[in-house]
Amino acid sequence: MQTHFSHTPKQKNTMKTTKYRQGDVLLSSVKSLPDSVQKSEDKGPIILAWGEATGHHHSIKNKNVTKYVDPETMATYIEVAEAMALLEHQEHATIIIEPGIYRVGLQREYHPQEIKRVVD
């Protein structure tokens, strides 16, 4: 009597993390929004970070983008629906963002006295 075994290889996690960096702002793709997020009621362009020294800012003006904030962790997320969006800054090249959900990270720098947000 012969026994035949069917071997199915384990599927690897096929979702690649997409990252976009513009100055001190990093967008990292995530599979979904956390349950605790709340839609931000920003009017006008979505501001992801303000430059403390110059007043410049990282912003998205596209209407197909929604900003969310997690009140538990204070993390910010954006969702780019359907078409692409443009991440703009007065001193950096514009970046084209593909549709998806992204966690917004702001670069920090370590100082012995405190951890500071990097000023763009």
N, C-alpha and C. Protein backbone atom coordinates (compact mmCIF):
# COMPACT_ATOMS: atom_id res chain seq x y z
N MET A 1 0.84 -1.16 0.00
CA MET A 1 0.00 0.00 0.00
C MET A 1 0.90 1.24 0.00
N GLN A 2 0.63 2.13 -0.92
CA GLN A 2 1.36 3.37 -1.02
C GLN A 2 0.53 4.52 -0.45
N THR A 3 1.21 5.40 0.22
CA THR A 3 0.55 6.59 0.74
C THR A 3 1.11 7.79 0.00
N HIS A 4 0.24 8.63 -0.47
CA HIS A 4 0.65 9.83 -1.17
C HIS A 4 0.39 11.04 -0.27
N PHE A 5 1.37 11.86 -0.13
CA PHE A 5 1.23 13.07 0.66
C PHE A 5 1.24 14.27 -0.28
N SER A 6 0.31 15.11 -0.07
CA SER A 6 0.28 16.35 -0.84
C SER A 6 0.93 17.42 0.03
N HIS A 7 1.98 18.00 -0.48
CA HIS A 7 2.68 19.02 0.28
C HIS A 7 2.34 20.39 -0.29
N THR A 8 1.77 21.22 0.54
CA THR A 8 1.49 22.59 0.14
C THR A 8 2.45 23.48 0.88
N PRO A 9 3.26 24.23 0.17
CA PRO A 9 4.21 25.11 0.87
C PRO A 9 3.46 26.18 1.65
N LYS A 10 4.04 26.55 2.78
CA LYS A 10 3.44 27.61 3.57
C LYS A 10 3.51 28.91 2.79
N GLN A 11 2.42 29.64 2.83
CA GLN A 11 2.42 30.93 2.15
C GLN A 11 3.13 31.94 3.02
N LYS A 12 3.97 32.69 2.40
CA LYS A 12 4.68 33.75 3.11
C LYS A 12 3.79 34.98 3.17
N ASN A 13 4.06 35.82 4.13
CA ASN A 13 3.35 37.09 4.21
C ASN A 13 3.73 37.89 2.97
N THR A 14 2.79 38.08 2.07
CA THR A 14 3.09 38.71 0.80
C THR A 14 2.95 40.22 0.82
N MET A 15 2.45 40.78 1.92
CA MET A 15 2.31 42.23 1.97
C MET A 15 3.67 42.86 2.22
N LYS A 16 4.09 43.66 1.28
CA LYS A 16 5.34 44.38 1.44
C LYS A 16 5.03 45.70 2.14
N THR A 17 5.92 46.12 3.01
CA THR A 17 5.75 47.42 3.64
C THR A 17 6.30 48.47 2.71
N THR A 18 5.45 49.40 2.37
CA THR A 18 5.86 50.52 1.53
C THR A 18 6.18 51.68 2.44
N LYS A 19 7.29 52.34 2.18
CA LYS A 19 7.71 53.48 2.99
C LYS A 19 8.00 54.67 2.09
N TYR A 20 7.62 55.83 2.59
CA TYR A 20 7.93 57.09 1.93
C TYR A 20 8.55 58.01 2.97
N ARG A 21 9.64 58.65 2.64
CA ARG A 21 10.27 59.60 3.56
C ARG A 21 10.41 60.94 2.85
N GLN A 22 10.03 61.98 3.58
CA GLN A 22 10.22 63.34 3.11
C GLN A 22 10.72 64.14 4.31
N GLY A 23 12.01 64.44 4.32
CA GLY A 23 12.58 65.14 5.47
C GLY A 23 12.41 64.32 6.73
N ASP A 24 11.77 64.89 7.75
CA ASP A 24 11.60 64.20 9.03
C ASP A 24 10.29 63.41 9.11
N VAL A 25 9.55 63.30 8.01
CA VAL A 25 8.28 62.56 7.99
C VAL A 25 8.49 61.22 7.29
N LEU A 26 8.02 60.15 7.93
CA LEU A 26 8.09 58.80 7.36
C LEU A 26 6.69 58.22 7.32
N LEU A 27 6.25 57.77 6.14
CA LEU A 27 4.98 57.08 5.99
C LEU A 27 5.28 55.60 5.79
N SER A 28 4.67 54.74 6.62
CA SER A 28 4.86 53.29 6.53
C SER A 28 3.50 52.64 6.32
N SER A 29 3.38 51.82 5.28
CA SER A 29 2.09 51.18 5.01
C SER A 29 1.73 50.20 6.12
N VAL A 30 0.43 50.11 6.40
CA VAL A 30 -0.11 49.15 7.37
C VAL A 30 -1.30 48.46 6.70
N LYS A 31 -1.64 47.27 7.20
CA LYS A 31 -2.74 46.50 6.61
C LYS A 31 -4.09 47.16 6.83
N SER A 32 -4.29 47.70 8.04
CA SER A 32 -5.59 48.29 8.37
C SER A 32 -5.42 49.31 9.48
N LEU A 33 -6.45 50.11 9.67
CA LEU A 33 -6.45 51.10 10.74
C LEU A 33 -6.77 50.41 12.07
N PRO A 34 -6.15 50.84 13.15
CA PRO A 34 -6.54 50.31 14.47
C PRO A 34 -8.00 50.67 14.76
N ASP A 35 -8.67 49.84 15.54
CA ASP A 35 -10.08 50.07 15.88
C ASP A 35 -10.29 51.37 16.64
N SER A 36 -9.27 51.83 17.34
CA SER A 36 -9.43 52.99 18.22
C SER A 36 -9.27 54.34 17.52
N VAL A 37 -8.93 54.37 16.22
CA VAL A 37 -8.70 55.64 15.55
C VAL A 37 -9.99 56.43 15.38
N GLN A 38 -9.81 57.74 15.30
CA GLN A 38 -10.92 58.64 15.04
C GLN A 38 -10.55 59.52 13.86
N LYS A 39 -11.52 59.77 13.01
CA LYS A 39 -11.30 60.61 11.84
C LYS A 39 -11.03 62.03 12.29
N SER A 40 -10.00 62.62 11.72
CA SER A 40 -9.64 64.00 12.03
C SER A 40 -10.54 64.93 11.23
N GLU A 41 -10.94 66.00 11.82
CA GLU A 41 -11.82 66.96 11.15
C GLU A 41 -11.05 68.15 10.61
N ASP A 42 -9.82 67.92 10.16
CA ASP A 42 -9.01 69.00 9.59
C ASP A 42 -9.73 69.63 8.41
N LYS A 43 -9.69 70.92 8.33
CA LYS A 43 -10.23 71.66 7.19
C LYS A 43 -9.04 72.10 6.34
N GLY A 44 -9.19 72.01 5.04
CA GLY A 44 -8.09 72.39 4.16
C GLY A 44 -7.09 71.27 4.02
N PRO A 45 -5.84 71.61 3.70
CA PRO A 45 -4.84 70.56 3.50
C PRO A 45 -4.58 69.79 4.79
N ILE A 46 -4.19 68.53 4.63
CA ILE A 46 -3.82 67.70 5.77
C ILE A 46 -2.36 68.00 6.08
N ILE A 47 -2.10 68.52 7.27
CA ILE A 47 -0.74 68.84 7.69
C ILE A 47 -0.21 67.67 8.51
N LEU A 48 0.88 67.08 8.05
CA LEU A 48 1.48 65.95 8.77
C LEU A 48 2.54 66.42 9.76
N ALA A 49 3.20 67.52 9.46
CA ALA A 49 4.22 68.06 10.37
C ALA A 49 4.49 69.51 10.00
N TRP A 50 4.66 70.33 11.04
CA TRP A 50 5.04 71.73 10.87
C TRP A 50 6.53 71.88 11.13
N GLY A 51 7.19 72.72 10.36
CA GLY A 51 8.57 73.06 10.63
C GLY A 51 8.60 74.13 11.71
N GLU A 52 9.25 73.85 12.81
CA GLU A 52 9.27 74.79 13.92
C GLU A 52 10.10 76.03 13.62
N ALA A 53 11.12 75.90 12.80
CA ALA A 53 12.02 77.03 12.56
C ALA A 53 11.51 77.95 11.44
N THR A 54 10.88 77.39 10.42
CA THR A 54 10.55 78.18 9.23
C THR A 54 9.07 78.38 8.99
N GLY A 55 8.22 77.61 9.64
CA GLY A 55 6.78 77.67 9.36
C GLY A 55 6.38 76.83 8.16
N HIS A 56 7.36 76.18 7.51
CA HIS A 56 7.03 75.28 6.41
C HIS A 56 6.34 74.04 6.97
N HIS A 57 5.70 73.28 6.08
CA HIS A 57 4.97 72.10 6.55
C HIS A 57 4.92 71.01 5.48
N HIS A 58 4.75 69.78 5.96
CA HIS A 58 4.54 68.61 5.10
C HIS A 58 3.02 68.47 5.00
N SER A 59 2.49 68.55 3.79
CA SER A 59 1.03 68.55 3.65
C SER A 59 0.57 67.79 2.43
N ILE A 60 -0.71 67.39 2.49
CA ILE A 60 -1.38 66.72 1.38
C ILE A 60 -2.67 67.49 1.12
N LYS A 61 -2.84 67.93 -0.12
CA LYS A 61 -4.01 68.73 -0.48
C LYS A 61 -5.10 67.91 -1.17
N ASN A 62 -4.79 66.68 -1.57
CA ASN A 62 -5.75 65.85 -2.30
C ASN A 62 -6.99 65.56 -1.46
N LYS A 63 -8.16 65.60 -2.11
CA LYS A 63 -9.44 65.34 -1.44
C LYS A 63 -9.67 63.86 -1.16
N ASN A 64 -8.89 62.98 -1.78
CA ASN A 64 -9.08 61.53 -1.59
C ASN A 64 -8.28 60.98 -0.41
N VAL A 65 -7.79 61.87 0.46
CA VAL A 65 -6.99 61.45 1.61
C VAL A 65 -7.72 61.81 2.90
N THR A 66 -7.76 60.86 3.82
CA THR A 66 -8.39 61.07 5.12
C THR A 66 -7.34 60.86 6.20
N LYS A 67 -7.35 61.75 7.20
CA LYS A 67 -6.41 61.66 8.31
C LYS A 67 -7.14 61.10 9.53
N TYR A 68 -6.47 60.21 10.28
CA TYR A 68 -7.01 59.61 11.49
C TYR A 68 -6.00 59.77 12.62
N VAL A 69 -6.51 59.88 13.84
CA VAL A 69 -5.64 59.95 15.01
C VAL A 69 -6.13 58.90 16.01
N ASP A 70 -5.18 58.18 16.59
CA ASP A 70 -5.48 57.20 17.62
C ASP A 70 -5.37 57.90 18.98
N PRO A 71 -6.50 58.14 19.67
CA PRO A 71 -6.44 58.87 20.94
C PRO A 71 -5.71 58.11 22.04
N GLU A 72 -5.57 56.80 21.89
CA GLU A 72 -4.86 56.00 22.90
C GLU A 72 -3.35 56.17 22.79
N THR A 73 -2.83 56.21 21.56
CA THR A 73 -1.38 56.27 21.35
C THR A 73 -0.92 57.60 20.75
N MET A 74 -1.87 58.42 20.31
CA MET A 74 -1.62 59.69 19.62
C MET A 74 -0.92 59.48 18.26
N ALA A 75 -0.95 58.26 17.75
CA ALA A 75 -0.40 57.98 16.43
C ALA A 75 -1.32 58.56 15.36
N THR A 76 -0.73 59.01 14.27
CA THR A 76 -1.48 59.56 13.15
C THR A 76 -1.40 58.59 11.98
N TYR A 77 -2.51 58.46 11.27
CA TYR A 77 -2.59 57.62 10.08
C TYR A 77 -3.24 58.42 8.96
N ILE A 78 -2.92 58.05 7.72
CA ILE A 78 -3.65 58.60 6.59
C ILE A 78 -4.11 57.44 5.72
N GLU A 79 -5.24 57.65 5.06
CA GLU A 79 -5.75 56.68 4.10
C GLU A 79 -5.87 57.38 2.76
N VAL A 80 -5.15 56.86 1.77
CA VAL A 80 -5.20 57.40 0.41
C VAL A 80 -6.13 56.48 -0.37
N ALA A 81 -7.27 57.01 -0.78
CA ALA A 81 -8.27 56.20 -1.49
C ALA A 81 -8.12 56.38 -3.00
N GLU A 82 -8.32 55.31 -3.70
CA GLU A 82 -8.39 55.25 -5.16
C GLU A 82 -7.17 55.81 -5.89
N ALA A 83 -7.10 57.12 -6.08
CA ALA A 83 -6.00 57.71 -6.84
C ALA A 83 -4.82 58.01 -5.93
N MET A 84 -3.73 58.38 -6.53
CA MET A 84 -2.54 58.73 -5.77
C MET A 84 -2.70 60.11 -5.14
N ALA A 85 -1.81 60.41 -4.18
CA ALA A 85 -1.82 61.71 -3.51
C ALA A 85 -0.41 62.29 -3.56
N LEU A 86 -0.32 63.58 -3.32
CA LEU A 86 0.97 64.26 -3.35
C LEU A 86 1.32 64.77 -1.97
N LEU A 87 2.50 64.37 -1.46
CA LEU A 87 3.03 64.88 -0.20
C LEU A 87 3.97 66.02 -0.57
N GLU A 88 3.63 67.22 -0.10
CA GLU A 88 4.37 68.41 -0.50
C GLU A 88 5.05 69.08 0.68
N HIS A 89 6.14 69.78 0.38
CA HIS A 89 6.86 70.58 1.36
C HIS A 89 7.59 71.67 0.58
N GLN A 90 7.74 72.83 1.19
CA GLN A 90 8.34 73.95 0.50
C GLN A 90 9.82 73.76 0.19
N GLU A 91 10.51 72.90 0.92
CA GLU A 91 11.95 72.72 0.71
C GLU A 91 12.35 71.32 0.24
N HIS A 92 11.36 70.45 0.00
CA HIS A 92 11.64 69.08 -0.45
C HIS A 92 10.89 68.81 -1.74
N ALA A 93 11.36 67.83 -2.48
CA ALA A 93 10.66 67.41 -3.69
C ALA A 93 9.32 66.79 -3.31
N THR A 94 8.31 67.00 -4.14
CA THR A 94 6.99 66.40 -3.93
C THR A 94 7.10 64.89 -4.12
N ILE A 95 6.39 64.14 -3.26
CA ILE A 95 6.40 62.68 -3.33
C ILE A 95 5.01 62.19 -3.70
N ILE A 96 4.93 61.25 -4.63
CA ILE A 96 3.66 60.65 -5.02
C ILE A 96 3.40 59.45 -4.12
N ILE A 97 2.25 59.47 -3.43
CA ILE A 97 1.87 58.40 -2.49
C ILE A 97 0.81 57.52 -3.15
N GLU A 98 1.08 56.23 -3.20
CA GLU A 98 0.14 55.26 -3.78
C GLU A 98 -1.06 55.06 -2.85
N PRO A 99 -2.21 54.61 -3.37
CA PRO A 99 -3.36 54.33 -2.51
C PRO A 99 -3.00 53.30 -1.44
N GLY A 100 -3.54 53.50 -0.23
CA GLY A 100 -3.28 52.59 0.88
C GLY A 100 -3.46 53.30 2.20
N ILE A 101 -3.10 52.60 3.27
CA ILE A 101 -3.18 53.14 4.63
C ILE A 101 -1.76 53.23 5.16
N TYR A 102 -1.43 54.36 5.76
CA TYR A 102 -0.07 54.62 6.22
C TYR A 102 -0.06 55.17 7.64
N ARG A 103 0.91 54.72 8.42
CA ARG A 103 1.16 55.30 9.74
C ARG A 103 2.18 56.41 9.53
N VAL A 104 1.92 57.55 10.14
CA VAL A 104 2.81 58.70 10.00
C VAL A 104 3.80 58.71 11.15
N GLY A 105 5.08 58.70 10.84
CA GLY A 105 6.12 58.76 11.85
C GLY A 105 6.91 60.04 11.68
N LEU A 106 7.32 60.61 12.80
CA LEU A 106 8.15 61.82 12.78
C LEU A 106 9.50 61.47 13.38
N GLN A 107 10.56 61.81 12.67
CA GLN A 107 11.90 61.47 13.13
C GLN A 107 12.21 62.20 14.43
N ARG A 108 12.85 61.49 15.33
CA ARG A 108 13.26 62.05 16.63
C ARG A 108 14.78 61.97 16.73
N GLU A 109 15.34 62.81 17.58
CA GLU A 109 16.77 62.71 17.85
C GLU A 109 16.99 62.68 19.36
N TYR A 110 18.00 61.96 19.76
CA TYR A 110 18.28 61.77 21.18
C TYR A 110 19.23 62.84 21.68
N HIS A 111 18.89 63.42 22.81
CA HIS A 111 19.77 64.31 23.56
C HIS A 111 19.79 63.76 24.98
N PRO A 112 20.91 63.80 25.66
CA PRO A 112 20.96 63.22 27.01
C PRO A 112 19.86 63.75 27.94
N GLN A 113 19.44 64.99 27.76
CA GLN A 113 18.43 65.57 28.62
C GLN A 113 17.01 65.20 28.19
N GLU A 114 16.81 64.96 26.89
CA GLU A 114 15.46 64.70 26.39
C GLU A 114 15.53 64.16 24.97
N ILE A 115 14.41 63.63 24.51
CA ILE A 115 14.26 63.20 23.11
C ILE A 115 13.49 64.31 22.42
N LYS A 116 14.05 64.83 21.33
CA LYS A 116 13.44 65.94 20.60
C LYS A 116 13.02 65.51 19.23
N ARG A 117 11.96 66.14 18.72
CA ARG A 117 11.54 65.95 17.35
C ARG A 117 12.54 66.71 16.48
N VAL A 118 12.94 66.10 15.36
CA VAL A 118 13.86 66.74 14.45
C VAL A 118 13.14 67.91 13.79
N VAL A 119 13.79 69.05 13.74
CA VAL A 119 13.22 70.25 13.14
C VAL A 119 13.67 70.31 11.70
N ASP A 120 12.71 70.42 10.80
CA ASP A 120 12.97 70.44 9.36
C ASP A 120 13.20 71.85 8.89
